[in-house]
Amino acid sequence: MSAFQHFVLTCPSCSSRLAGLKLNPEGVQYSELFSDGKMICDGYLAEDQKIVACPACGHLSWLPNISVRATINDPSSDDQTVYPFSSWYQFGCNTLTYSGKISLIEHYQHLLQCVRPLSNEVEIYLRKNLLWAINDLIRQRSETRFVRLLLGKSKPANWRKGRRRQIRQNIAFVHYHEVHKANLQRLIELLRSNEERDINKVFLCELYREKGNFTKCLELVGQLKRSTHYLSLIEEKARLHNSLVFKVAG
């Protein structure tokens, strides 16, 4: 069974057709879950991209409001011109590269400034994705630890190349420190209005931890009446005063 289902979007501004891929949970072979809520399945985000910039005219659309047609086969194989998924997924940014990661961060910063009206739903979506984009700079940092080289899990040439790239990304993460903290604070403010939902409370614990407010994080953890692997890891990291994103599973 395929991990993806094909669909076609129609731009409401210029009527261009955009090919899309939607994850089919039953066909997913491999997934990773991170503490900031980002889940990657077979190399793609598990959560659908909700804001689309048309590659033909640049028109911004909220995905639930776009005309969507399901297909069985890859629509890009049709005779009629269809823009490929890669042209609008993550706004065309190649997030496997340093420049692609930086470009995606800048995209979300720009969208927060230009999207109007900015409802709570849209702002939470944009700020959560900005959080993920900034954390992407350090998300895979464990892959370049020296111990991987010592254990033979990385070839010397690959390790050196990856290490140089990670150092560059670490510097960029420090550069975006103030943006990151301001974004976390605003997310906290937006989510506190729905604090009665347990899922928001757990995510709030993580946001406070990443912001460096470990006391508030542990206070909220203590108020929750359930114990999960995810929550216990957040508590453990907070007690260690570790504010960096970490892998939960995968």
C-alpha atoms as a PDB file:
ATOM      1  CA  MET A   1       0.000   0.000   0.000  1.00  0.00           C
ATOM      2  CA  SER A   2       1.282   3.472  -0.945  1.00  0.00           C
ATOM      3  CA  ALA A   3       2.139   5.925   1.813  1.00  0.00           C
ATOM      4  CA  PHE A   4       0.533   8.742  -0.168  1.00  0.00           C
ATOM      5  CA  GLN A   5      -2.735   9.680  -1.781  1.00  0.00           C
ATOM      6  CA  HIS A   6      -2.753  12.090  -4.719  1.00  0.00           C
ATOM      7  CA  PHE A   7      -4.980  15.133  -5.033  1.00  0.00           C
ATOM      8  CA  VAL A   8      -5.204  18.321  -7.090  1.00  0.00           C
ATOM      9  CA  LEU A   9      -5.666  21.897  -5.834  1.00  0.00           C
ATOM     10  CA  THR A  10      -7.131  24.680  -7.948  1.00  0.00           C
ATOM     11  CA  CYS A  11      -5.791  28.171  -7.247  1.00  0.00           C
ATOM     12  CA  PRO A  12      -8.763  30.475  -6.587  1.00  0.00           C
ATOM     13  CA  SER A  13      -6.893  33.403  -8.141  1.00  0.00           C
ATOM     14  CA  CYS A  14      -5.495  32.113 -11.458  1.00  0.00           C
ATOM     15  CA  SER A  15      -7.099  28.605 -11.654  1.00  0.00           C
ATOM     16  CA  SER A  16      -3.712  26.902 -11.919  1.00  0.00           C
ATOM     17  CA  ARG A  17      -3.685  23.237 -10.960  1.00  0.00           C
ATOM     18  CA  LEU A  18      -1.323  22.088  -8.191  1.00  0.00           C
ATOM     19  CA  ALA A  19      -0.510  18.431  -7.566  1.00  0.00           C
ATOM     20  CA  GLY A  20      -0.573  17.369  -3.931  1.00  0.00           C
ATOM     21  CA  LEU A  21       0.314  14.407  -1.743  1.00  0.00           C
ATOM     22  CA  LYS A  22      -1.526  13.391   1.411  1.00  0.00           C
ATOM     23  CA  LEU A  23      -0.077  10.841   3.808  1.00  0.00           C
ATOM     24  CA  ASN A  24      -1.932   7.550   4.054  1.00  0.00           C
ATOM     25  CA  PRO A  25      -1.292   6.427   7.679  1.00  0.00           C
ATOM     26  CA  GLU A  26      -1.740   2.754   6.773  1.00  0.00           C
ATOM     27  CA  GLY A  27       1.067   2.930   4.226  1.00  0.00           C
ATOM     28  CA  VAL A  28       3.678   4.789   6.294  1.00  0.00           C
ATOM     29  CA  GLN A  29       6.895   2.812   6.750  1.00  0.00           C
ATOM     30  CA  TYR A  30       8.830   5.061   9.128  1.00  0.00           C
ATOM     31  CA  SER A  31       7.979   8.022  11.352  1.00  0.00           C
ATOM     32  CA  GLU A  32       9.736  10.283  13.840  1.00  0.00           C
ATOM     33  CA  LEU A  33       8.101  12.350  16.594  1.00  0.00           C
ATOM     34  CA  PHE A  34       9.815  15.311  18.236  1.00  0.00           C
ATOM     35  CA  SER A  35       9.085  17.139  21.481  1.00  0.00           C
ATOM     36  CA  ASP A  36       7.848  20.288  19.693  1.00  0.00           C
ATOM     37  CA  GLY A  37       5.047  18.228  18.130  1.00  0.00           C
ATOM     38  CA  LYS A  38       6.602  17.841  14.695  1.00  0.00           C
ATOM     39  CA  MET A  39       6.068  14.398  13.184  1.00  0.00           C
ATOM     40  CA  ILE A  40       7.865  13.282  10.040  1.00  0.00           C
ATOM     41  CA  CYS A  41       6.512  10.266   8.147  1.00  0.00           C
ATOM     42  CA  ASP A  42       8.545   8.810   5.277  1.00  0.00           C
ATOM     43  CA  GLY A  43      10.307  12.162   4.860  1.00  0.00           C
ATOM     44  CA  TYR A  44       7.189  14.350   4.870  1.00  0.00           C
ATOM     45  CA  LEU A  45       5.305  16.275   7.534  1.00  0.00           C
ATOM     46  CA  ALA A  46       2.476  14.224   9.006  1.00  0.00           C
ATOM     47  CA  GLU A  47       0.370  17.392   9.303  1.00  0.00           C
ATOM     48  CA  ASP A  48      -1.060  18.778   6.062  1.00  0.00           C
ATOM     49  CA  GLN A  49       0.274  22.135   4.890  1.00  0.00           C
ATOM     50  CA  LYS A  50      -2.627  24.545   5.350  1.00  0.00           C
ATOM     51  CA  ILE A  51      -1.281  27.699   3.705  1.00  0.00           C
ATOM     52  CA  VAL A  52      -0.410  27.428   0.026  1.00  0.00           C
ATOM     53  CA  ALA A  53       1.404  29.974  -2.128  1.00  0.00           C
ATOM     54  CA  CYS A  54       0.455  29.371  -5.762  1.00  0.00           C
ATOM     55  CA  PRO A  55       3.696  28.838  -7.762  1.00  0.00           C
ATOM     56  CA  ALA A  56       2.072  30.530 -10.783  1.00  0.00           C
ATOM     57  CA  CYS A  57       0.708  33.775  -9.309  1.00  0.00           C
ATOM     58  CA  GLY A  58       1.903  33.793  -5.688  1.00  0.00           C
ATOM     59  CA  HIS A  59      -1.649  33.974  -4.313  1.00  0.00           C
ATOM     60  CA  LEU A  60      -1.869  32.820  -0.685  1.00  0.00           C
ATOM     61  CA  SER A  61      -4.717  30.463   0.178  1.00  0.00           C
ATOM     62  CA  TRP A  62      -5.873  28.699   3.334  1.00  0.00           C
ATOM     63  CA  LEU A  63      -6.046  25.066   2.200  1.00  0.00           C
ATOM     64  CA  PRO A  64      -9.514  24.235   3.640  1.00  0.00           C
ATOM     65  CA  ASN A  65     -10.920  26.990   1.405  1.00  0.00           C
ATOM     66  CA  ILE A  66      -9.323  25.722  -1.837  1.00  0.00           C
ATOM     67  CA  SER A  67     -11.107  23.468  -4.293  1.00  0.00           C
ATOM     68  CA  VAL A  68      -9.611  19.975  -3.842  1.00  0.00           C
ATOM     69  CA  ARG A  69     -10.104  16.991  -6.136  1.00  0.00           C
ATOM     70  CA  ALA A  70      -8.969  13.500  -5.175  1.00  0.00           C
ATOM     71  CA  THR A  71      -7.175  11.405  -7.786  1.00  0.00           C
ATOM     72  CA  ILE A  72      -5.970   7.824  -8.029  1.00  0.00           C
ATOM     73  CA  ASN A  73      -2.889   8.352 -10.197  1.00  0.00           C
ATOM     74  CA  ASP A  74      -0.217  11.040 -10.112  1.00  0.00           C
ATOM     75  CA  PRO A  75      -1.937  14.124 -11.589  1.00  0.00           C
ATOM     76  CA  SER A  76       1.383  15.533 -12.809  1.00  0.00           C
ATOM     77  CA  SER A  77       1.314  12.827 -15.492  1.00  0.00           C
ATOM     78  CA  ASP A  78      -1.767  14.446 -17.103  1.00  0.00           C
ATOM     79  CA  ASP A  79      -1.460  16.265 -20.419  1.00  0.00           C
ATOM     80  CA  GLN A  80      -2.765  19.469 -18.830  1.00  0.00           C
ATOM     81  CA  THR A  81      -0.108  21.519 -16.997  1.00  0.00           C
ATOM     82  CA  VAL A  82      -0.011  20.730 -13.284  1.00  0.00           C
ATOM     83  CA  TYR A  83       2.504  22.245 -10.875  1.00  0.00           C
ATOM     84  CA  PRO A  84       4.310  19.471  -8.945  1.00  0.00           C
ATOM     85  CA  PHE A  85       3.983  19.019  -5.187  1.00  0.00           C
ATOM     86  CA  SER A  86       7.611  20.095  -4.679  1.00  0.00           C
ATOM     87  CA  SER A  87       6.827  23.547  -6.123  1.00  0.00           C
ATOM     88  CA  TRP A  88       4.551  24.506  -3.228  1.00  0.00           C
ATOM     89  CA  TYR A  89       5.249  22.018  -0.408  1.00  0.00           C
ATOM     90  CA  GLN A  90       7.147  23.952   2.295  1.00  0.00           C
ATOM     91  CA  PHE A  91       6.936  26.898  -0.159  1.00  0.00           C
ATOM     92  CA  GLY A  92       9.419  25.161  -2.425  1.00  0.00           C
ATOM     93  CA  CYS A  93      12.195  25.239   0.215  1.00  0.00           C
ATOM     94  CA  ASN A  94      14.593  22.307   0.237  1.00  0.00           C
ATOM     95  CA  THR A  95      14.826  21.830   4.003  1.00  0.00           C
ATOM     96  CA  LEU A  96      17.600  19.260   3.604  1.00  0.00           C
ATOM     97  CA  THR A  97      19.961  22.196   2.955  1.00  0.00           C
ATOM     98  CA  TYR A  98      21.092  25.070   5.160  1.00  0.00           C
ATOM     99  CA  SER A  99      19.774  27.717   2.753  1.00  0.00           C
ATOM    100  CA  GLY A 100      16.433  25.906   2.533  1.00  0.00           C
ATOM    101  CA  LYS A 101      16.052  25.885   6.327  1.00  0.00           C
ATOM    102  CA  ILE A 102      16.809  29.616   6.535  1.00  0.00           C
ATOM    103  CA  SER A 103      14.447  30.360   3.659  1.00  0.00           C
ATOM    104  CA  LEU A 104      11.575  28.524   5.381  1.00  0.00           C
ATOM    105  CA  ILE A 105      12.121  30.487   8.611  1.00  0.00           C
ATOM    106  CA  GLU A 106      12.003  33.739   6.636  1.00  0.00           C
ATOM    107  CA  HIS A 107       8.836  32.594   4.832  1.00  0.00           C
ATOM    108  CA  TYR A 108       6.956  32.065   8.087  1.00  0.00           C
ATOM    109  CA  GLN A 109       8.204  35.355   9.539  1.00  0.00           C
ATOM    110  CA  HIS A 110       6.982  37.122   6.393  1.00  0.00           C
ATOM    111  CA  LEU A 111       3.588  35.375   6.485  1.00  0.00           C
ATOM    112  CA  LEU A 112       3.029  36.462  10.088  1.00  0.00           C
ATOM    113  CA  GLN A 113       3.503  40.041   8.906  1.00  0.00           C
ATOM    114  CA  CYS A 114       1.446  39.927   5.710  1.00  0.00           C
ATOM    115  CA  VAL A 115      -1.469  37.513   6.295  1.00  0.00           C
ATOM    116  CA  ARG A 116      -4.563  39.524   7.188  1.00  0.00           C
ATOM    117  CA  PRO A 117      -6.985  39.001   8.820  1.00  0.00           C
ATOM    118  CA  LEU A 118      -4.916  36.885  11.211  1.00  0.00           C
ATOM    119  CA  SER A 119      -7.292  34.677  13.184  1.00  0.00           C
ATOM    120  CA  ASN A 120      -6.114  32.714  16.239  1.00  0.00           C
ATOM    121  CA  GLU A 121      -6.299  29.479  14.227  1.00  0.00           C
ATOM    122  CA  VAL A 122      -4.103  30.831  11.437  1.00  0.00           C
ATOM    123  CA  GLU A 123      -1.644  32.499  13.813  1.00  0.00           C
ATOM    124  CA  ILE A 124      -1.228  29.338  15.898  1.00  0.00           C
ATOM    125  CA  TYR A 125      -0.610  27.360  12.701  1.00  0.00           C
ATOM    126  CA  LEU A 126       1.997  29.836  11.416  1.00  0.00           C
ATOM    127  CA  ARG A 127       3.761  30.184  14.769  1.00  0.00           C
ATOM    128  CA  LYS A 128       3.867  26.424  15.324  1.00  0.00           C
ATOM    129  CA  ASN A 129       5.467  25.995  11.914  1.00  0.00           C
ATOM    130  CA  LEU A 130       7.908  28.829  12.642  1.00  0.00           C
ATOM    131  CA  LEU A 131       8.822  26.973  15.849  1.00  0.00           C
ATOM    132  CA  TRP A 132       9.441  23.809  13.831  1.00  0.00           C
ATOM    133  CA  ALA A 133      11.453  25.689  11.191  1.00  0.00           C
ATOM    134  CA  ILE A 134      13.792  27.273  13.770  1.00  0.00           C
ATOM    135  CA  ASN A 135      14.156  23.971  15.628  1.00  0.00           C
ATOM    136  CA  ASP A 136      15.057  22.281  12.324  1.00  0.00           C
ATOM    137  CA  LEU A 137      18.428  24.010  12.634  1.00  0.00           C
ATOM    138  CA  ILE A 138      19.305  21.766  15.602  1.00  0.00           C
ATOM    139  CA  ARG A 139      16.780  18.945  15.256  1.00  0.00           C
ATOM    140  CA  GLN A 140      19.288  16.400  13.918  1.00  0.00           C
ATOM    141  CA  ARG A 141      22.287  17.579  15.949  1.00  0.00           C
ATOM    142  CA  SER A 142      22.753  14.127  17.511  1.00  0.00           C
ATOM    143  CA  GLU A 143      23.717  12.784  14.071  1.00  0.00           C
ATOM    144  CA  THR A 144      27.011  14.710  14.229  1.00  0.00           C
ATOM    145  CA  ARG A 145      28.081  13.812  17.752  1.00  0.00           C
ATOM    146  CA  PHE A 146      31.669  12.564  18.013  1.00  0.00           C
ATOM    147  CA  VAL A 147      30.516   9.318  19.618  1.00  0.00           C
ATOM    148  CA  ARG A 148      28.885   8.272  16.313  1.00  0.00           C
ATOM    149  CA  LEU A 149      32.286   8.482  14.647  1.00  0.00           C
ATOM    150  CA  LEU A 150      33.938   6.514  17.463  1.00  0.00           C
ATOM    151  CA  LEU A 151      31.281   3.782  17.226  1.00  0.00           C
ATOM    152  CA  GLY A 152      31.660   3.544  13.458  1.00  0.00           C
ATOM    153  CA  LYS A 153      28.104   4.749  12.766  1.00  0.00           C
ATOM    154  CA  SER A 154      29.405   7.524  10.494  1.00  0.00           C
ATOM    155  CA  LYS A 155      32.188   7.521   7.927  1.00  0.00           C
ATOM    156  CA  PRO A 156      34.907  10.118   8.701  1.00  0.00           C
ATOM    157  CA  ALA A 157      34.323  12.159   5.526  1.00  0.00           C
ATOM    158  CA  ASN A 158      30.550  12.202   6.015  1.00  0.00           C
ATOM    159  CA  TRP A 159      30.910  13.035   9.703  1.00  0.00           C
ATOM    160  CA  ARG A 160      33.227  15.990   9.016  1.00  0.00           C
ATOM    161  CA  LYS A 161      30.886  17.341   6.343  1.00  0.00           C
ATOM    162  CA  GLY A 162      27.861  16.936   8.595  1.00  0.00           C
ATOM    163  CA  ARG A 163      29.711  18.454  11.548  1.00  0.00           C
ATOM    164  CA  ARG A 164      30.632  21.581   9.580  1.00  0.00           C
ATOM    165  CA  ARG A 165      27.023  21.955   8.441  1.00  0.00           C
ATOM    166  CA  GLN A 166      25.718  21.506  12.005  1.00  0.00           C
ATOM    167  CA  ILE A 167      28.113  24.122  13.413  1.00  0.00           C
ATOM    168  CA  ARG A 168      26.801  26.573  10.817  1.00  0.00           C
ATOM    169  CA  GLN A 169      23.230  25.725  11.778  1.00  0.00           C
ATOM    170  CA  ASN A 170      24.026  26.090  15.500  1.00  0.00           C
ATOM    171  CA  ILE A 171      25.266  29.624  14.812  1.00  0.00           C
ATOM    172  CA  ALA A 172      22.038  30.383  12.900  1.00  0.00           C
ATOM    173  CA  PHE A 173      19.970  29.007  15.794  1.00  0.00           C
ATOM    174  CA  VAL A 174      21.709  31.460  18.137  1.00  0.00           C
ATOM    175  CA  HIS A 175      21.063  34.235  15.585  1.00  0.00           C
ATOM    176  CA  TYR A 176      17.305  33.516  15.728  1.00  0.00           C
ATOM    177  CA  HIS A 177      17.271  33.312  19.539  1.00  0.00           C
ATOM    178  CA  GLU A 178      15.171  36.452  20.106  1.00  0.00           C
ATOM    179  CA  VAL A 179      12.737  35.529  17.316  1.00  0.00           C
ATOM    180  CA  HIS A 180      12.450  32.050  18.811  1.00  0.00           C
ATOM    181  CA  LYS A 181      11.703  33.323  22.335  1.00  0.00           C
ATOM    182  CA  ALA A 182       9.171  35.891  21.115  1.00  0.00           C
ATOM    183  CA  ASN A 183       7.440  33.228  19.032  1.00  0.00           C
ATOM    184  CA  LEU A 184       7.293  30.839  22.008  1.00  0.00           C
ATOM    185  CA  GLN A 185       5.831  33.572  24.220  1.00  0.00           C
ATOM    186  CA  ARG A 186       3.113  34.417  21.700  1.00  0.00           C
ATOM    187  CA  LEU A 187       2.259  30.720  21.221  1.00  0.00           C
ATOM    188  CA  ILE A 188       1.911  30.372  24.987  1.00  0.00           C
ATOM    189  CA  GLU A 189      -0.449  33.362  25.087  1.00  0.00           C
ATOM    190  CA  LEU A 190      -2.576  31.953  22.254  1.00  0.00           C
ATOM    191  CA  LEU A 191      -2.811  28.464  23.723  1.00  0.00           C
ATOM    192  CA  ARG A 192      -3.546  29.494  27.316  1.00  0.00           C
ATOM    193  CA  SER A 193      -7.074  30.459  26.251  1.00  0.00           C
ATOM    194  CA  ASN A 194      -7.680  26.753  25.527  1.00  0.00           C
ATOM    195  CA  GLU A 195      -5.761  25.487  28.553  1.00  0.00           C
ATOM    196  CA  GLU A 196      -8.650  23.245  29.608  1.00  0.00           C
ATOM    197  CA  ARG A 197      -7.707  20.784  26.873  1.00  0.00           C
ATOM    198  CA  ASP A 198      -5.095  18.280  28.079  1.00  0.00           C
ATOM    199  CA  ILE A 199      -3.343  18.239  24.703  1.00  0.00           C
ATOM    200  CA  ASN A 200      -2.801  22.003  24.951  1.00  0.00           C
ATOM    201  CA  LYS A 201      -1.576  21.690  28.546  1.00  0.00           C
ATOM    202  CA  VAL A 202       1.083  19.156  27.557  1.00  0.00           C
ATOM    203  CA  PHE A 203       2.196  21.309  24.631  1.00  0.00           C
ATOM    204  CA  LEU A 204       2.308  24.317  26.988  1.00  0.00           C
ATOM    205  CA  CYS A 205       4.704  22.377  29.231  1.00  0.00           C
ATOM    206  CA  GLU A 206       6.981  21.906  26.221  1.00  0.00           C
ATOM    207  CA  LEU A 207       6.728  25.565  25.177  1.00  0.00           C
ATOM    208  CA  TYR A 208       7.666  26.759  28.673  1.00  0.00           C
ATOM    209  CA  ARG A 209      10.589  24.289  28.706  1.00  0.00           C
ATOM    210  CA  GLU A 210      11.891  25.509  25.332  1.00  0.00           C
ATOM    211  CA  LYS A 211      11.507  29.113  26.490  1.00  0.00           C
ATOM    212  CA  GLY A 212      13.712  28.269  29.479  1.00  0.00           C
ATOM    213  CA  ASN A 213      11.000  28.716  32.114  1.00  0.00           C
ATOM    214  CA  PHE A 214      11.657  25.348  33.750  1.00  0.00           C
ATOM    215  CA  THR A 215       9.837  26.240  36.988  1.00  0.00           C
ATOM    216  CA  LYS A 216       6.574  26.949  35.146  1.00  0.00           C
ATOM    217  CA  CYS A 217       7.042  23.840  33.001  1.00  0.00           C
ATOM    218  CA  LEU A 218       7.420  21.591  36.056  1.00  0.00           C
ATOM    219  CA  GLU A 219       4.500  23.327  37.768  1.00  0.00           C
ATOM    220  CA  LEU A 220       2.220  22.492  34.829  1.00  0.00           C
ATOM    221  CA  VAL A 221       3.553  18.932  34.635  1.00  0.00           C
ATOM    222  CA  GLY A 222       2.612  18.492  38.294  1.00  0.00           C
ATOM    223  CA  GLN A 223      -0.933  19.724  37.631  1.00  0.00           C
ATOM    224  CA  LEU A 224      -1.617  17.140  34.926  1.00  0.00           C
ATOM    225  CA  LYS A 225      -3.372  14.027  36.178  1.00  0.00           C
ATOM    226  CA  ARG A 226      -1.880  11.649  33.660  1.00  0.00           C
ATOM    227  CA  SER A 227       1.546  10.186  33.006  1.00  0.00           C
ATOM    228  CA  THR A 228       2.874   9.504  29.515  1.00  0.00           C
ATOM    229  CA  HIS A 229       6.293   8.760  28.059  1.00  0.00           C
ATOM    230  CA  TYR A 230       6.240  12.145  26.311  1.00  0.00           C
ATOM    231  CA  LEU A 231       5.359  14.073  29.473  1.00  0.00           C
ATOM    232  CA  SER A 232       7.958  12.253  31.564  1.00  0.00           C
ATOM    233  CA  LEU A 233      10.651  13.137  29.004  1.00  0.00           C
ATOM    234  CA  ILE A 234       9.622  16.805  29.123  1.00  0.00           C
ATOM    235  CA  GLU A 235       9.858  16.690  32.927  1.00  0.00           C
ATOM    236  CA  GLU A 236      13.267  15.001  32.793  1.00  0.00           C
ATOM    237  CA  LYS A 237      14.665  17.600  30.371  1.00  0.00           C
ATOM    238  CA  ALA A 238      13.222  20.467  32.428  1.00  0.00           C
ATOM    239  CA  ARG A 239      14.870  19.167  35.604  1.00  0.00           C
ATOM    240  CA  LEU A 240      18.157  19.115  33.690  1.00  0.00           C
ATOM    241  CA  HIS A 241      17.504  22.701  32.498  1.00  0.00           C
ATOM    242  CA  ASN A 242      17.663  21.506  28.893  1.00  0.00           C
ATOM    243  CA  SER A 243      15.559  23.735  26.604  1.00  0.00           C
ATOM    244  CA  LEU A 244      16.436  22.156  23.239  1.00  0.00           C
ATOM    245  CA  VAL A 245      14.041  20.145  21.089  1.00  0.00           C
ATOM    246  CA  PHE A 246      14.519  16.368  21.330  1.00  0.00           C
ATOM    247  CA  LYS A 247      13.320  13.223  19.632  1.00  0.00           C
ATOM    248  CA  VAL A 248      10.496  11.401  21.430  1.00  0.00           C
ATOM    249  CA  ALA A 249      10.174   8.381  19.151  1.00  0.00           C
ATOM    250  CA  GLY A 250      11.464   7.053  15.861  1.00  0.00           C
END
